[in-house]
PDB file of N, CA and C in Angstrom:
ATOM      1  N   MET A   1       0.844  -1.171   0.000  1.00  0.00           N
ATOM      2  CA  MET A   1       0.000   0.000   0.000  1.00  0.00           C
ATOM      3  C   MET A   1       0.894   1.240   0.000  1.00  0.00           C
ATOM      4  N   PRO A   2       0.617   2.196  -0.890  1.00  0.00           N
ATOM      5  CA  PRO A   2       1.443   3.403  -0.936  1.00  0.00           C
ATOM      6  C   PRO A   2       1.316   4.205   0.361  1.00  0.00           C
ATOM      7  N   PRO A   3       2.373   4.884   0.724  1.00  0.00           N
ATOM      8  CA  PRO A   3       2.288   5.728   1.923  1.00  0.00           C
ATOM      9  C   PRO A   3       1.363   6.908   1.654  1.00  0.00           C
ATOM     10  N   LEU A   4       0.846   7.456   2.712  1.00  0.00           N
ATOM     11  CA  LEU A   4       0.019   8.661   2.585  1.00  0.00           C
ATOM     12  C   LEU A   4       0.952   9.855   2.399  1.00  0.00           C
ATOM     13  N   LEU A   5       0.747  10.550   1.329  1.00  0.00           N
ATOM     14  CA  LEU A   5       1.601  11.688   1.021  1.00  0.00           C
ATOM     15  C   LEU A   5       0.788  12.969   1.120  1.00  0.00           C
ATOM     16  N   ARG A   6       1.366  13.950   1.755  1.00  0.00           N
ATOM     17  CA  ARG A   6       0.663  15.221   1.960  1.00  0.00           C
ATOM     18  C   ARG A   6       0.664  16.115   0.738  1.00  0.00           C
ATOM     19  N   HIS A   7       1.808  16.240   0.117  1.00  0.00           N
ATOM     20  CA  HIS A   7       1.963  17.233  -0.937  1.00  0.00           C
ATOM     21  C   HIS A   7       2.197  16.625  -2.320  1.00  0.00           C
ATOM     22  N   LEU A   8       2.175  15.307  -2.401  1.00  0.00           N
ATOM     23  CA  LEU A   8       2.409  14.630  -3.671  1.00  0.00           C
ATOM     24  C   LEU A   8       1.276  13.649  -3.941  1.00  0.00           C
ATOM     25  N   ASP A   9       1.017  13.400  -5.209  1.00  0.00           N
ATOM     26  CA  ASP A   9      -0.005  12.447  -5.602  1.00  0.00           C
ATOM     27  C   ASP A   9       0.662  11.110  -5.915  1.00  0.00           C
ATOM     28  N   ALA A  10       0.303  10.047  -5.186  1.00  0.00           N
ATOM     29  CA  ALA A  10       0.940   8.741  -5.350  1.00  0.00           C
ATOM     30  C   ALA A  10       0.743   8.206  -6.765  1.00  0.00           C
ATOM     31  N   GLN A  11      -0.436   8.374  -7.350  1.00  0.00           N
ATOM     32  CA  GLN A  11      -0.674   7.879  -8.712  1.00  0.00           C
ATOM     33  C   GLN A  11       0.194   8.620  -9.727  1.00  0.00           C
ATOM     34  N   GLU A  12       0.353   9.900  -9.526  1.00  0.00           N
ATOM     35  CA  GLU A  12       1.206  10.694 -10.416  1.00  0.00           C
ATOM     36  C   GLU A  12       2.662  10.225 -10.322  1.00  0.00           C
ATOM     37  N   LEU A  13       3.113   9.955  -9.100  1.00  0.00           N
ATOM     38  CA  LEU A  13       4.480   9.480  -8.901  1.00  0.00           C
ATOM     39  C   LEU A  13       4.707   8.112  -9.536  1.00  0.00           C
ATOM     40  N   THR A  14       3.754   7.192  -9.332  1.00  0.00           N
ATOM     41  CA  THR A  14       3.928   5.861  -9.911  1.00  0.00           C
ATOM     42  C   THR A  14       3.877   5.921 -11.430  1.00  0.00           C
ATOM     43  N   GLY A  15       3.069   6.795 -11.981  1.00  0.00           N
ATOM     44  CA  GLY A  15       3.034   6.962 -13.433  1.00  0.00           C
ATOM     45  C   GLY A  15       4.350   7.494 -13.963  1.00  0.00           C
ATOM     46  N   ALA A  16       4.916   8.464 -13.282  1.00  0.00           N
ATOM     47  CA  ALA A  16       6.191   9.043 -13.704  1.00  0.00           C
ATOM     48  C   ALA A  16       7.328   8.036 -13.556  1.00  0.00           C
ATOM     49  N   ALA A  17       7.227   7.157 -12.570  1.00  0.00           N
ATOM     50  CA  ALA A  17       8.276   6.157 -12.333  1.00  0.00           C
ATOM     51  C   ALA A  17       8.156   4.980 -13.289  1.00  0.00           C
ATOM     52  N   GLY A  18       7.031   4.864 -13.983  1.00  0.00           N
ATOM     53  CA  GLY A  18       6.843   3.754 -14.907  1.00  0.00           C
ATOM     54  C   GLY A  18       6.364   2.485 -14.231  1.00  0.00           C
ATOM     55  N   GLY A  19       5.945   2.586 -13.019  1.00  0.00           N
ATOM     56  CA  GLY A  19       5.458   1.434 -12.269  1.00  0.00           C
ATOM     57  C   GLY A  19       5.279   1.812 -10.815  1.00  0.00           C
ATOM     58  N   ASN A  20       4.684   0.931 -10.072  1.00  0.00           N
ATOM     59  CA  ASN A  20       4.388   1.206  -8.676  1.00  0.00           C
ATOM     60  C   ASN A  20       5.524   0.682  -7.789  1.00  0.00           C
ATOM     61  N   PRO A  21       6.385   1.575  -7.293  1.00  0.00           N
ATOM     62  CA  PRO A  21       7.510   1.113  -6.475  1.00  0.00           C
ATOM     63  C   PRO A  21       7.054   0.475  -5.163  1.00  0.00           C
ATOM     64  N   TRP A  22       5.910   0.864  -4.660  1.00  0.00           N
ATOM     65  CA  TRP A  22       5.419   0.275  -3.407  1.00  0.00           C
ATOM     66  C   TRP A  22       4.956  -1.162  -3.643  1.00  0.00           C
ATOM     67  N   GLN A  23       4.382  -1.420  -4.805  1.00  0.00           N
ATOM     68  CA  GLN A  23       3.991  -2.788  -5.136  1.00  0.00           C
ATOM     69  C   GLN A  23       5.241  -3.654  -5.304  1.00  0.00           C
ATOM     70  N   LEU A  24       6.251  -3.122  -5.953  1.00  0.00           N
ATOM     71  CA  LEU A  24       7.516  -3.842  -6.110  1.00  0.00           C
ATOM     72  C   LEU A  24       8.122  -4.145  -4.742  1.00  0.00           C
ATOM     73  N   ASP A  25       8.115  -3.152  -3.866  1.00  0.00           N
ATOM     74  CA  ASP A  25       8.647  -3.354  -2.513  1.00  0.00           C
ATOM     75  C   ASP A  25       7.857  -4.434  -1.782  1.00  0.00           C
ATOM     76  N   ASP A  26       6.532  -4.396  -1.895  1.00  0.00           N
ATOM     77  CA  ASP A  26       5.698  -5.416  -1.247  1.00  0.00           C
ATOM     78  C   ASP A  26       6.049  -6.808  -1.770  1.00  0.00           C
ATOM     79  N   THR A  27       6.266  -6.915  -3.079  1.00  0.00           N
ATOM     80  CA  THR A  27       6.607  -8.199  -3.690  1.00  0.00           C
ATOM     81  C   THR A  27       7.941  -8.698  -3.167  1.00  0.00           C
ATOM     82  N   ILE A  28       8.919  -7.809  -3.098  1.00  0.00           N
ATOM     83  CA  ILE A  28      10.241  -8.189  -2.593  1.00  0.00           C
ATOM     84  C   ILE A  28      10.156  -8.586  -1.124  1.00  0.00           C
ATOM     85  N   GLN A  29       9.438  -7.813  -0.340  1.00  0.00           N
ATOM     86  CA  GLN A  29       9.330  -8.096   1.094  1.00  0.00           C
ATOM     87  C   GLN A  29       8.633  -9.427   1.346  1.00  0.00           C
ATOM     88  N   ALA A  30       7.733  -9.836   0.439  1.00  0.00           N
ATOM     89  CA  ALA A  30       7.005 -11.090   0.611  1.00  0.00           C
ATOM     90  C   ALA A  30       7.817 -12.293   0.142  1.00  0.00           C
ATOM     91  N   GLY A  31       8.921 -12.052  -0.546  1.00  0.00           N
ATOM     92  CA  GLY A  31       9.724 -13.132  -1.115  1.00  0.00           C
ATOM     93  C   GLY A  31      10.526 -13.881  -0.072  1.00  0.00           C
ATOM     94  N   ALA A  32      11.082 -14.987  -0.524  1.00  0.00           N
ATOM     95  CA  ALA A  32      11.929 -15.800   0.336  1.00  0.00           C
ATOM     96  C   ALA A  32      13.351 -15.260   0.256  1.00  0.00           C
ATOM     97  N   PRO A  33      13.930 -14.851   1.388  1.00  0.00           N
ATOM     98  CA  PRO A  33      15.266 -14.262   1.376  1.00  0.00           C
ATOM     99  C   PRO A  33      16.326 -15.166   0.746  1.00  0.00           C
ATOM    100  N   GLY A  34      16.246 -16.456   0.995  1.00  0.00           N
ATOM    101  CA  GLY A  34      17.221 -17.378   0.428  1.00  0.00           C
ATOM    102  C   GLY A  34      17.158 -17.409  -1.090  1.00  0.00           C
ATOM    103  N   GLU A  35      15.932 -17.439  -1.634  1.00  0.00           N
ATOM    104  CA  GLU A  35      15.763 -17.446  -3.088  1.00  0.00           C
ATOM    105  C   GLU A  35      16.255 -16.138  -3.701  1.00  0.00           C
ATOM    106  N   ILE A  36      15.949 -15.039  -3.044  1.00  0.00           N
ATOM    107  CA  ILE A  36      16.391 -13.734  -3.539  1.00  0.00           C
ATOM    108  C   ILE A  36      17.915 -13.666  -3.524  1.00  0.00           C
ATOM    109  N   SER A  37      18.524 -14.172  -2.460  1.00  0.00           N
ATOM    110  CA  SER A  37      19.983 -14.169  -2.351  1.00  0.00           C
ATOM    111  C   SER A  37      20.612 -15.033  -3.441  1.00  0.00           C
ATOM    112  N   GLU A  38      20.042 -16.212  -3.682  1.00  0.00           N
ATOM    113  CA  GLU A  38      20.561 -17.095  -4.726  1.00  0.00           C
ATOM    114  C   GLU A  38      20.428 -16.451  -6.103  1.00  0.00           C
ATOM    115  N   LEU A  39      19.302 -15.807  -6.352  1.00  0.00           N
ATOM    116  CA  LEU A  39      19.096 -15.139  -7.631  1.00  0.00           C
ATOM    117  C   LEU A  39      20.091 -13.991  -7.806  1.00  0.00           C
ATOM    118  N   ALA A  40      20.310 -13.225  -6.748  1.00  0.00           N
ATOM    119  CA  ALA A  40      21.271 -12.121  -6.805  1.00  0.00           C
ATOM    120  C   ALA A  40      22.672 -12.654  -7.086  1.00  0.00           C
ATOM    121  N   THR A  41      23.042 -13.750  -6.434  1.00  0.00           N
ATOM    122  CA  THR A  41      24.360 -14.351  -6.648  1.00  0.00           C
ATOM    123  C   THR A  41      24.494 -14.837  -8.086  1.00  0.00           C
ATOM    124  N   ALA A  42      23.451 -15.484  -8.609  1.00  0.00           N
ATOM    125  CA  ALA A  42      23.488 -15.976  -9.990  1.00  0.00           C
ATOM    126  C   ALA A  42      23.632 -14.822 -10.979  1.00  0.00           C
ATOM    127  N   CYS A  43      22.911 -13.739 -10.752  1.00  0.00           N
ATOM    128  CA  CYS A  43      23.018 -12.567 -11.630  1.00  0.00           C
ATOM    129  C   CYS A  43      24.414 -11.962 -11.565  1.00  0.00           C
ATOM    130  N   HIS A  44      24.958 -11.883 -10.374  1.00  0.00           N
ATOM    131  CA  HIS A  44      26.306 -11.328 -10.194  1.00  0.00           C
ATOM    132  C   HIS A  44      27.340 -12.191 -10.919  1.00  0.00           C
ATOM    133  N   GLU A  45      27.237 -13.506 -10.749  1.00  0.00           N
ATOM    134  CA  GLU A  45      28.186 -14.411 -11.401  1.00  0.00           C
ATOM    135  C   GLU A  45      28.042 -14.363 -12.919  1.00  0.00           C
ATOM    136  N   ALA A  46      26.818 -14.248 -13.408  1.00  0.00           N
ATOM    137  CA  ALA A  46      26.610 -14.139 -14.856  1.00  0.00           C
ATOM    138  C   ALA A  46      27.262 -12.871 -15.387  1.00  0.00           C
ATOM    139  N   GLY A  47      27.146 -11.793 -14.636  1.00  0.00           N
ATOM    140  CA  GLY A  47      27.794 -10.540 -15.038  1.00  0.00           C
ATOM    141  C   GLY A  47      29.300 -10.681 -15.105  1.00  0.00           C
ATOM    142  N   ASN A  48      29.876 -11.405 -14.146  1.00  0.00           N
ATOM    143  CA  ASN A  48      31.329 -11.642 -14.159  1.00  0.00           C
ATOM    144  C   ASN A  48      31.731 -12.458 -15.380  1.00  0.00           C
ATOM    145  N   CYS A  49      30.935 -13.478 -15.733  1.00  0.00           N
ATOM    146  CA  CYS A  49      31.232 -14.300 -16.912  1.00  0.00           C
ATOM    147  C   CYS A  49      31.180 -13.449 -18.172  1.00  0.00           C
ATOM    148  N   LEU A  50      30.200 -12.560 -18.248  1.00  0.00           N
ATOM    149  CA  LEU A  50      30.098 -11.685 -19.415  1.00  0.00           C
ATOM    150  C   LEU A  50      31.300 -10.758 -19.512  1.00  0.00           C
ATOM    151  N   THR A  51      31.743 -10.246 -18.374  1.00  0.00           N
ATOM    152  CA  THR A  51      32.919  -9.378 -18.357  1.00  0.00           C
ATOM    153  C   THR A  51      34.148 -10.143 -18.837  1.00  0.00           C
ATOM    154  N   ASP A  52      34.333 -11.367 -18.343  1.00  0.00           N
ATOM    155  CA  ASP A  52      35.471 -12.185 -18.765  1.00  0.00           C
ATOM    156  C   ASP A  52      35.411 -12.466 -20.262  1.00  0.00           C
ATOM    157  N   ALA A  53      34.230 -12.827 -20.764  1.00  0.00           N
ATOM    158  CA  ALA A  53      34.080 -13.119 -22.194  1.00  0.00           C
ATOM    159  C   ALA A  53      34.356 -11.874 -23.029  1.00  0.00           C
ATOM    160  N   ASN A  54      33.891 -10.739 -22.575  1.00  0.00           N
ATOM    161  CA  ASN A  54      34.128  -9.489 -23.299  1.00  0.00           C
ATOM    162  C   ASN A  54      35.622  -9.144 -23.321  1.00  0.00           C
ATOM    163  N   ASP A  55      36.289  -9.342 -22.202  1.00  0.00           N
ATOM    164  CA  ASP A  55      37.736  -9.081 -22.145  1.00  0.00           C
ATOM    165  C   ASP A  55      38.489  -9.986 -23.116  1.00  0.00           C
ATOM    166  N   GLU A  56      38.114 -11.266 -23.150  1.00  0.00           N
ATOM    167  CA  GLU A  56      38.760 -12.208 -24.070  1.00  0.00           C
ATOM    168  C   GLU A  56      38.508 -11.795 -25.519  1.00  0.00           C
ATOM    169  N   PHE A  57      37.291 -11.368 -25.818  1.00  0.00           N
ATOM    170  CA  PHE A  57      36.961 -10.935 -27.177  1.00  0.00           C
ATOM    171  C   PHE A  57      37.797  -9.725 -27.578  1.00  0.00           C
ATOM    172  N   GLU A  58      37.898  -8.748 -26.692  1.00  0.00           N
ATOM    173  CA  GLU A  58      38.676  -7.547 -26.994  1.00  0.00           C
ATOM    174  C   GLU A  58      40.151  -7.882 -27.224  1.00  0.00           C
ATOM    175  N   THR A  59      40.698  -8.796 -26.442  1.00  0.00           N
ATOM    176  CA  THR A  59      42.082  -9.213 -26.618  1.00  0.00           C
ATOM    177  C   THR A  59      42.272  -9.876 -27.983  1.00  0.00           C
ATOM    178  N   ALA A  60      41.356 -10.789 -28.330  1.00  0.00           N
ATOM    179  CA  ALA A  60      41.447 -11.470 -29.623  1.00  0.00           C
ATOM    180  C   ALA A  60      41.293 -10.483 -30.777  1.00  0.00           C
ATOM    181  N   LYS A  61      40.409  -9.539 -30.628  1.00  0.00           N
ATOM    182  CA  LYS A  61      40.188  -8.532 -31.674  1.00  0.00           C
ATOM    183  C   LYS A  61      41.452  -7.694 -31.895  1.00  0.00           C
ATOM    184  N   LYS A  62      42.095  -7.300 -30.814  1.00  0.00           N
ATOM    185  CA  LYS A  62      43.332  -6.513 -30.927  1.00  0.00           C
ATOM    186  C   LYS A  62      44.442  -7.322 -31.588  1.00  0.00           C
ATOM    187  N   ARG A  63      44.546  -8.617 -31.243  1.00  0.00           N
ATOM    188  CA  ARG A  63      45.558  -9.467 -31.878  1.00  0.00           C
ATOM    189  C   ARG A  63      45.290  -9.598 -33.374  1.00  0.00           C
ATOM    190  N   PHE A  64      44.024  -9.767 -33.736  1.00  0.00           N
ATOM    191  CA  PHE A  64      43.661  -9.878 -35.150  1.00  0.00           C
ATOM    192  C   PHE A  64      44.001  -8.591 -35.892  1.00  0.00           C
ATOM    193  N   GLU A  65      43.633  -7.465 -35.320  1.00  0.00           N
ATOM    194  CA  GLU A  65      43.906  -6.178 -35.973  1.00  0.00           C
ATOM    195  C   GLU A  65      45.408  -5.937 -36.119  1.00  0.00           C
ATOM    196  N   ALA A  66      46.169  -6.346 -35.124  1.00  0.00           N
ATOM    197  CA  ALA A  66      47.631  -6.163 -35.189  1.00  0.00           C
ATOM    198  C   ALA A  66      48.264  -7.106 -36.226  1.00  0.00           C
ATOM    199  N   ALA A  67      47.657  -8.277 -36.436  1.00  0.00           N
ATOM    200  CA  ALA A  67      48.242  -9.261 -37.355  1.00  0.00           C
ATOM    201  C   ALA A  67      47.838  -9.011 -38.792  1.00  0.00           C
ATOM    202  N   TRP A  68      46.752  -8.298 -39.024  1.00  0.00           N
ATOM    203  CA  TRP A  68      46.247  -8.127 -40.386  1.00  0.00           C
ATOM    204  C   TRP A  68      46.248  -6.663 -40.746  1.00  0.00           C
ATOM    205  N   ASP A  69      47.177  -6.306 -41.597  1.00  0.00           N
ATOM    206  CA  ASP A  69      47.271  -4.917 -42.067  1.00  0.00           C
ATOM    207  C   ASP A  69      46.748  -4.897 -43.492  1.00  0.00           C
ATOM    208  N   ARG A  70      45.542  -4.472 -43.685  1.00  0.00           N
ATOM    209  CA  ARG A  70      44.913  -4.525 -45.007  1.00  0.00           C
ATOM    210  C   ARG A  70      45.447  -3.473 -45.979  1.00  0.00           C
ATOM    211  N   TYR A  71      46.300  -2.589 -45.508  1.00  0.00           N
ATOM    212  CA  TYR A  71      46.807  -1.525 -46.395  1.00  0.00           C
ATOM    213  C   TYR A  71      48.216  -1.813 -46.910  1.00  0.00           C
ATOM    214  N   SER A  72      48.752  -2.978 -46.611  1.00  0.00           N
ATOM    215  CA  SER A  72      50.111  -3.237 -47.085  1.00  0.00           C
ATOM    216  C   SER A  72      50.121  -4.157 -48.275  1.00  0.00           C
TER     217      SER A  72
END
């Protein structure tokens, strides 16, 4: 349930935010902490894998560019 606001309109705020942050908070608060923690860990690890893959790609790209001079 949205808090009671004196000088702001809750519907206007949720519309501007693109969604109801209080509903999102309620959903998170109702969740299982262990599941949320596992999901957060999985997302974090996936991000690390993407970073590693991107670094490897950039290294390979630089080696390719250094080995192939199309203007010679």
